[in-house]
Every structure is written in C-alpha cells, then in structure tokens.
Protein backbone atom coordinates (compact mmCIF):
# COMPACT_ATOMS: atom_id res chain seq x y z
CA MET A 1 50.73 -28.81 -42.20
CA THR A 2 47.66 -27.34 -40.53
CA SER A 3 48.58 -24.74 -37.91
CA SER A 4 47.44 -25.04 -34.30
CA GLY A 5 45.33 -21.91 -34.73
CA SER A 6 43.53 -23.42 -37.72
CA LEU A 7 42.96 -26.66 -35.82
CA ILE A 8 41.28 -24.65 -33.07
CA ARG A 9 39.13 -22.83 -35.67
CA ILE A 10 38.14 -26.16 -37.26
CA GLY A 11 37.11 -27.40 -33.82
CA VAL A 12 35.09 -24.24 -33.15
CA LEU A 13 33.42 -24.50 -36.57
CA GLY A 14 32.54 -28.15 -35.94
CA LEU A 15 31.02 -27.13 -32.60
CA LEU A 16 29.03 -24.26 -34.14
CA TRP A 17 27.59 -26.30 -37.00
CA GLY A 18 27.27 -29.52 -35.01
CA SER A 19 25.31 -27.71 -32.31
CA SER A 20 22.86 -26.20 -34.81
CA PHE A 21 20.62 -29.27 -34.48
CA LEU A 22 20.41 -28.71 -30.73
CA TRP A 23 19.43 -25.06 -31.25
CA ILE A 24 16.77 -26.07 -33.79
CA GLU A 25 15.34 -28.57 -31.31
CA LEU A 26 15.12 -25.90 -28.61
CA ALA A 27 13.81 -23.20 -30.97
CA LEU A 28 10.92 -25.47 -32.03
CA ARG A 29 9.52 -25.05 -28.51
CA ALA A 30 8.75 -21.40 -29.24
CA LEU A 31 8.60 -21.03 -33.03
CA SER A 32 7.40 -22.86 -36.13
CA PRO A 33 9.99 -24.16 -38.63
CA VAL A 34 9.40 -21.23 -41.01
CA GLN A 35 9.62 -18.70 -38.17
CA ILE A 36 12.92 -20.22 -37.03
CA VAL A 37 14.37 -19.94 -40.53
CA PHE A 38 13.22 -16.32 -40.90
CA VAL A 39 14.93 -15.37 -37.61
CA ARG A 40 17.98 -17.41 -38.50
CA VAL A 41 18.67 -16.08 -42.00
CA GLY A 42 17.62 -12.55 -41.04
CA LEU A 43 20.14 -12.39 -38.20
CA GLY A 44 22.74 -14.15 -40.35
CA ALA A 45 22.24 -11.53 -43.05
CA LEU A 46 22.60 -8.67 -40.55
CA VAL A 47 25.87 -10.13 -39.23
CA LEU A 48 27.34 -10.68 -42.71
CA VAL A 49 26.27 -7.27 -44.04
CA ALA A 50 27.79 -5.63 -40.94
CA ILE A 51 31.03 -7.52 -41.56
CA CYS A 52 31.04 -6.42 -45.20
CA LYS A 53 30.58 -2.82 -44.10
CA ALA A 54 33.39 -3.12 -41.54
CA MET A 55 35.68 -4.63 -44.20
CA LYS A 56 34.57 -2.03 -46.77
CA LEU A 57 33.30 -4.74 -49.13
CA SER A 58 30.53 -3.99 -51.63
CA LEU A 59 27.53 -6.25 -52.01
CA PRO A 60 27.18 -8.14 -55.32
CA ARG A 61 25.93 -6.19 -58.33
CA GLY A 62 23.89 -7.12 -61.39
CA GLY A 63 20.48 -8.70 -61.82
CA ARG A 64 21.91 -12.00 -63.10
CA THR A 65 24.14 -12.33 -60.06
CA TRP A 66 21.24 -11.71 -57.69
CA LEU A 67 19.16 -14.27 -59.59
CA HIS A 68 21.91 -16.85 -59.02
CA LEU A 69 22.06 -15.82 -55.37
CA GLY A 70 18.31 -16.35 -55.09
CA VAL A 71 18.52 -19.89 -56.50
CA ALA A 72 21.48 -20.67 -54.24
CA ALA A 73 19.62 -19.30 -51.22
CA LEU A 74 16.59 -21.46 -52.02
CA PHE A 75 18.52 -24.74 -52.16
CA ALA A 76 21.36 -24.00 -49.72
CA ASN A 77 19.40 -22.13 -47.05
CA VAL A 78 15.63 -21.78 -47.18
CA LEU A 79 14.53 -25.25 -48.25
CA PRO A 80 16.96 -27.31 -46.13
CA PHE A 81 16.60 -25.08 -43.07
CA ILE A 82 12.80 -25.45 -43.18
CA LEU A 83 13.05 -29.21 -43.78
CA PHE A 84 15.33 -29.62 -40.77
CA GLY A 85 12.77 -27.84 -38.61
CA VAL A 86 9.98 -30.02 -39.98
CA GLY A 87 12.04 -33.19 -39.60
CA GLN A 88 13.18 -32.47 -36.08
CA GLN A 89 9.58 -32.28 -34.89
CA THR A 90 9.68 -36.10 -34.90
CA VAL A 91 13.41 -36.93 -35.18
CA ASP A 92 16.01 -36.45 -32.44
CA SER A 93 18.64 -33.76 -32.98
CA SER A 94 21.41 -36.35 -32.80
CA MET A 95 19.94 -38.41 -35.63
CA ALA A 96 19.37 -35.24 -37.66
CA GLY A 97 23.07 -34.41 -37.38
CA VAL A 98 24.07 -37.90 -38.47
CA LEU A 99 21.70 -37.92 -41.47
CA ASN A 100 23.01 -34.49 -42.48
CA ALA A 101 26.45 -36.08 -42.91
CA THR A 102 25.15 -37.68 -46.12
CA THR A 103 25.42 -34.32 -47.89
CA PRO A 104 28.77 -35.15 -49.59
CA LEU A 105 27.25 -38.35 -50.97
CA TRP A 106 24.38 -36.44 -52.57
CA THR A 107 26.80 -33.79 -53.83
CA LEU A 108 28.91 -36.43 -55.57
CA LEU A 109 25.88 -38.08 -57.17
CA ILE A 110 24.61 -34.72 -58.46
CA SER A 111 28.05 -33.75 -59.78
CA VAL A 112 28.37 -37.04 -61.67
CA THR A 113 24.83 -36.79 -63.02
CA ILE A 114 25.38 -33.34 -64.56
CA GLY A 115 28.92 -34.14 -65.73
CA GLN A 116 30.84 -31.87 -63.35
CA GLU A 117 32.53 -34.85 -61.69
CA LYS A 118 34.20 -37.49 -63.85
CA ALA A 119 36.53 -39.33 -61.42
CA PHE A 120 34.23 -42.09 -60.16
CA GLY A 121 36.33 -45.19 -59.53
CA PRO A 122 35.51 -48.36 -57.58
CA LEU A 123 36.61 -46.86 -54.26
CA ARG A 124 34.16 -43.99 -54.55
CA VAL A 125 31.37 -46.37 -55.60
CA LEU A 126 32.13 -48.38 -52.47
CA GLY A 127 31.97 -45.15 -50.46
CA LEU A 128 28.50 -44.37 -51.81
CA VAL A 129 27.26 -47.88 -51.09
CA LEU A 130 28.67 -47.77 -47.55
CA GLY A 131 27.27 -44.30 -46.92
CA PHE A 132 23.72 -45.20 -47.86
CA ALA A 133 24.03 -48.56 -46.08
CA GLY A 134 24.80 -46.51 -42.97
CA VAL A 135 21.60 -44.54 -43.56
CA MET A 136 19.62 -47.78 -43.69
CA LEU A 137 21.26 -48.88 -40.44
CA ILE A 138 20.20 -45.62 -38.82
CA PHE A 139 16.64 -45.92 -40.18
CA ALA A 140 16.40 -49.61 -39.16
CA PRO A 141 13.00 -50.05 -40.85
CA TRP A 142 12.78 -53.54 -39.33
CA ARG A 143 12.49 -52.25 -35.73
CA ASP A 144 9.22 -51.58 -33.94
CA GLY A 145 8.07 -47.96 -34.11
CA ALA A 146 10.38 -47.08 -37.03
CA GLY A 147 7.47 -45.78 -39.09
CA SER A 148 6.77 -42.84 -36.77
CA ALA A 149 10.19 -41.29 -37.46
CA LEU A 150 10.24 -42.11 -41.18
CA PRO A 151 8.58 -38.89 -42.53
CA GLY A 152 10.89 -36.68 -40.45
CA SER A 153 13.95 -38.67 -41.45
CA ILE A 154 13.01 -38.40 -45.12
CA ALA A 155 12.61 -34.62 -44.70
CA ILE A 156 16.14 -34.41 -43.28
CA LEU A 157 17.58 -36.53 -46.09
CA VAL A 158 15.86 -34.28 -48.62
CA ALA A 159 17.44 -31.32 -46.78
CA ALA A 160 20.86 -32.96 -47.20
CA LEU A 161 20.09 -33.50 -50.90
CA SER A 162 19.13 -29.83 -51.17
CA TYR A 163 22.47 -28.85 -49.62
CA GLY A 164 24.17 -30.93 -52.30
CA ILE A 165 22.23 -29.16 -55.05
CA GLY A 166 23.08 -25.80 -53.49
CA ALA A 167 26.78 -26.60 -53.22
CA VAL A 168 27.02 -27.70 -56.87
CA TYR A 169 25.02 -24.66 -58.02
CA VAL A 170 27.16 -22.22 -56.05
CA GLY A 171 30.35 -23.85 -57.32
CA HIS A 172 29.19 -23.60 -60.93
CA ASN A 173 27.52 -20.18 -60.96
CA LEU A 174 29.02 -18.05 -58.17
CA SER A 175 32.45 -19.31 -57.13
CA GLY A 176 35.48 -18.04 -59.01
CA LYS A 177 33.62 -15.08 -60.51
CA GLY A 178 35.81 -12.43 -58.92
CA MET A 179 33.44 -11.67 -56.05
CA SER A 180 34.44 -11.66 -52.42
CA PRO A 181 33.15 -14.83 -50.70
CA THR A 182 31.97 -12.70 -47.79
CA SER A 183 30.00 -10.39 -50.09
CA THR A 184 28.55 -13.39 -51.90
CA ALA A 185 27.48 -14.94 -48.60
CA ALA A 186 25.88 -11.69 -47.45
CA GLY A 187 23.96 -11.38 -50.71
CA GLN A 188 22.84 -14.99 -50.53
CA MET A 189 21.64 -14.55 -46.96
CA LEU A 190 19.72 -11.41 -47.92
CA MET A 191 17.96 -13.38 -50.67
CA ALA A 192 17.27 -16.18 -48.19
CA THR A 193 15.64 -13.65 -45.87
CA ALA A 194 13.47 -12.30 -48.69
CA LEU A 195 12.40 -15.80 -49.81
CA THR A 196 11.58 -16.87 -46.25
CA GLY A 197 9.58 -13.67 -45.82
CA ILE A 198 7.44 -14.76 -48.76
CA ALA A 199 6.86 -18.12 -47.04
CA ILE A 200 5.76 -16.55 -43.74
CA PRO A 201 2.05 -16.18 -44.75
CA VAL A 202 2.03 -19.88 -45.74
CA GLY A 203 3.79 -21.52 -42.80
CA GLY A 204 4.83 -18.85 -40.36
CA LEU A 205 1.66 -17.36 -38.88
CA GLN A 206 1.40 -19.73 -35.91
CA PRO A 207 1.39 -18.05 -32.47
CA VAL A 208 4.86 -17.42 -31.07
CA HIS A 209 5.38 -18.81 -27.57
CA TRP A 210 7.09 -15.73 -26.16
CA GLU A 211 7.17 -17.24 -22.69
CA VAL A 212 9.60 -19.95 -23.87
CA THR A 213 12.65 -17.72 -23.75
CA SER A 214 15.05 -20.63 -24.22
CA GLY A 215 13.52 -21.25 -27.66
CA LEU A 216 13.84 -17.61 -28.67
CA VAL A 217 17.44 -17.43 -27.46
CA ALA A 218 18.23 -20.65 -29.35
CA ALA A 219 16.89 -19.16 -32.59
CA ALA A 220 19.01 -16.04 -32.06
CA ILE A 221 22.15 -18.12 -31.40
CA LEU A 222 21.41 -20.13 -34.52
CA GLY A 223 21.26 -16.96 -36.60
CA VAL A 224 24.20 -15.00 -35.19
CA PHE A 225 26.65 -17.82 -34.50
CA GLY A 226 25.46 -20.83 -36.47
CA THR A 227 24.77 -18.88 -39.66
CA GLY A 228 26.55 -15.52 -39.71
CA LEU A 229 29.81 -15.79 -37.77
CA SER A 230 30.35 -19.46 -38.63
CA PHE A 231 30.49 -18.64 -42.32
CA MET A 232 33.17 -16.05 -41.67
CA LEU A 233 35.15 -18.71 -39.83
CA PHE A 234 34.69 -21.07 -42.77
CA VAL A 235 35.94 -18.46 -45.26
CA ARG A 236 39.00 -17.79 -43.09
CA LEU A 237 39.83 -21.49 -42.93
CA ILE A 238 39.47 -21.93 -46.69
CA ALA A 239 41.86 -19.01 -47.23
CA ASP A 240 44.40 -20.22 -44.66
CA GLU A 241 44.37 -23.99 -45.10
CA GLY A 242 42.44 -24.82 -48.28
CA ALA A 243 39.40 -27.01 -48.82
CA THR A 244 40.97 -30.35 -47.91
CA ALA A 245 41.93 -29.40 -44.36
CA THR A 246 38.71 -27.45 -43.83
CA SER A 247 36.60 -30.41 -44.96
CA THR A 248 37.57 -32.29 -41.80
CA VAL A 249 34.80 -30.34 -40.07
CA THR A 250 32.42 -32.76 -41.83
CA TYR A 251 33.57 -35.54 -39.51
CA LEU A 252 33.23 -33.45 -36.34
CA MET A 253 29.65 -32.28 -36.82
CA PRO A 254 27.71 -35.53 -36.32
CA VAL A 255 29.88 -36.36 -33.31
CA VAL A 256 28.98 -32.99 -31.78
CA SER A 257 25.27 -33.37 -32.57
CA VAL A 258 25.13 -36.87 -31.05
CA ALA A 259 27.03 -35.81 -27.92
CA LEU A 260 24.93 -32.68 -27.32
CA GLY A 261 21.70 -34.55 -27.99
CA ALA A 262 22.58 -37.13 -25.35
CA ILE A 263 24.07 -34.74 -22.78
CA VAL A 264 21.79 -31.69 -23.06
CA LEU A 265 18.51 -33.15 -24.29
CA GLY A 266 18.80 -36.63 -22.82
CA GLU A 267 18.26 -38.28 -26.20
CA GLU A 268 18.80 -42.03 -26.35
CA LEU A 269 22.25 -42.89 -27.71
CA THR A 270 21.88 -46.34 -29.25
CA LEU A 271 24.64 -48.53 -30.59
CA ARG A 272 22.77 -48.73 -33.89
CA VAL A 273 22.90 -44.96 -34.46
CA VAL A 274 26.58 -44.77 -33.48
CA LEU A 275 27.46 -47.61 -35.87
CA GLY A 276 25.37 -46.00 -38.60
CA MET A 277 27.21 -42.73 -38.09
CA LEU A 278 30.60 -44.45 -38.38
CA VAL A 279 29.53 -46.27 -41.56
CA VAL A 280 28.22 -43.05 -43.13
CA LEU A 281 31.41 -41.14 -42.28
CA GLY A 282 33.53 -44.01 -43.58
CA GLY A 283 31.61 -43.87 -46.85
CA VAL A 284 32.07 -40.10 -47.04
CA MET A 285 35.81 -40.52 -46.49
CA LEU A 286 36.06 -42.99 -49.38
CA THR A 287 34.21 -40.64 -51.74
CA ARG A 288 36.69 -37.82 -51.20
CA PRO A 289 38.63 -37.02 -54.40
CA ARG A 290 42.17 -38.36 -54.43
CA ARG A 291 43.66 -35.50 -56.40
CA ALA A 292 45.76 -32.88 -54.65
CA LYS A 293 43.36 -30.00 -55.18
CA ALA A 294 39.67 -30.12 -55.88
CA PRO A 295 37.39 -27.35 -57.19
CA ILE A 296 36.19 -25.31 -54.24
CA ALA A 297 32.56 -24.36 -53.87
CA VAL A 298 31.88 -21.66 -51.33
CA PRO A 299 28.43 -22.41 -49.93
CA SER A 300 26.56 -20.70 -47.21
CA ALA A 301 26.97 -21.52 -43.61
CA GLU A 302 25.45 -24.97 -43.34
CA THR A 303 25.88 -26.05 -46.96
CA ALA A 304 29.58 -26.08 -46.30
CA LYS A 305 28.94 -28.61 -43.58
CA ALA A 306 29.65 -31.38 -45.89
CA THR A 307 31.55 -30.02 -48.86
CA SER A 308 30.09 -28.77 -47.06
CA GLY A 309 26.41 -26.80 -45.67
C-alpha cells in the first residue's frame, strides 16, 4: 500500500511535470524554443551534478556509456523539449499537456515493433485504438480553424513519440547496468546541454527579451524544478513504491496542465478537449501491462512523464 508520504510526492511530481507546459508558454515570451531548452537542461544538469556531489556519487565512466547517454539525451530531452517549444507557439499549453499523455501509447508501439514487448492482447489493442481516437477528438479536424493548430499539434505528438523512443532506449541500454540512476540522469543532462549548445547557432541566436522577466523566471523554474529536482523526486518514488505506483503521475499531468492553462493563462477549456483527455487516459490505462512487475526504464525528467518523460 502506497504510504501517505509517497502519495504527497506523487502529487508534487504531477504538479511539477504538469505545470511544465505553463512554464514553456511563459518562457516563449522572452526566449526562442532552443534558448529555453538550453537554459532548462543547463540548470537541470547543474542541479543533478550538485546532488551527485552532495551524495558522493561519481558520474558515469566510459566512452560507450557516454555515447548511450548522448543518444538518450537527444531523444528524451533535446528533441522533445525543442518540439514542445515549437508546438506551443500555436497550441495552448493545456492541449500540449493532453497530447503529451500519448507517450505510453508510442512507447508500447515501439516496444512491440522492436520485440521488447510481447504481451499484446485484445485489451491493449483496444487501449491503443481508444488512445489515438482521443487524439483525433482533440484535433477535431472537422472544425473551423483546425488547420492553424495542426502543425504545432503534430510537433507535440512527435515530441511524445520521441519520449517513447528515449524511454525504450534508456531501458535497453542504460537501466540495470549497475549505475546510480541519479548519476545516469546527471550524465544524460550534461549531454543534453552539450547537444543543445551545438543547436544554438542554428535556432538560438534570436534576441532575448530581457525585459520580460516572467519569461526568464519561467525558464529558470522549468530547469531547476521541472527538470532537475523533479527527477530526484521520481527516483525516490521508484525506490520507495516501484514503477506501478509511480506511474499514476501519468494521469495527474494532463489534469494539471488543463487546469493551469485555464486558470493562469485563460485558455479556453472546451468539452471536446476534456473528453479527448479522458479517452486518451482511458486508452493509456488499458495498455498498462497486467503482470505484477514490469521492466523499469529510468528516463530523464519528462520522459518519465508517461512511462514516463
């Protein structure tokens, strides 16, 4: 039975990750998508490295390990983080949070495709169908003006797909290798910072709007809390309660993103989006493995959103 302390931590984690879409929306007022990601992963790396030092944990060693960390950082951090920034230039933060909830569906499809996942019964097929039907309900391509949000929505779905690739890659190449999850996360975030630094000359040289302090503060919160400290909370929950209990955060995140989008940003909360969210989450619930214990992938902060992140 999950302890009351763990339930509180799950709630806090759902708030941290669910609010990340709000912080991205605010940060876009001052920074470009690439600039936001560079600040985010850089601060996340500083937090995680400082925690490793405080815990007397060594960073990963070996060129092969760092190569794996680089690939994981690309798919679990750099690419999806940038795509969320690009997508949220035309898509509300609430819808971004709901579309992100499709990550477990993509993860399952990828796992089945490469042969890592074999249990794929009728109930899980139904879950996939329901999940993507919920996406179509959210898109509502039949409504007037749907085309303007389509490119941004596709970018966010590709970000969710990238999270799925990252989660499967981390589970296969980095988890269970005898390394501390915290050290692995710190190394991955360092590689994410390096990769985003390479992208700065391509998409990060736009003028920074220094006068929009709310945007700068939002980017800092996203890095320190939504990327660095939230991963530590995730690792603690996995250790205390296991993956099954921790995975309930997946169901909290879109609820948080929708609520904050409506309350803080005044985004329109339509019945269609709410119903789409419920259908997607119902599909995700049906795709969960029915065995007692499932292999645990330890992704980076937002990848775990739907393993999960």
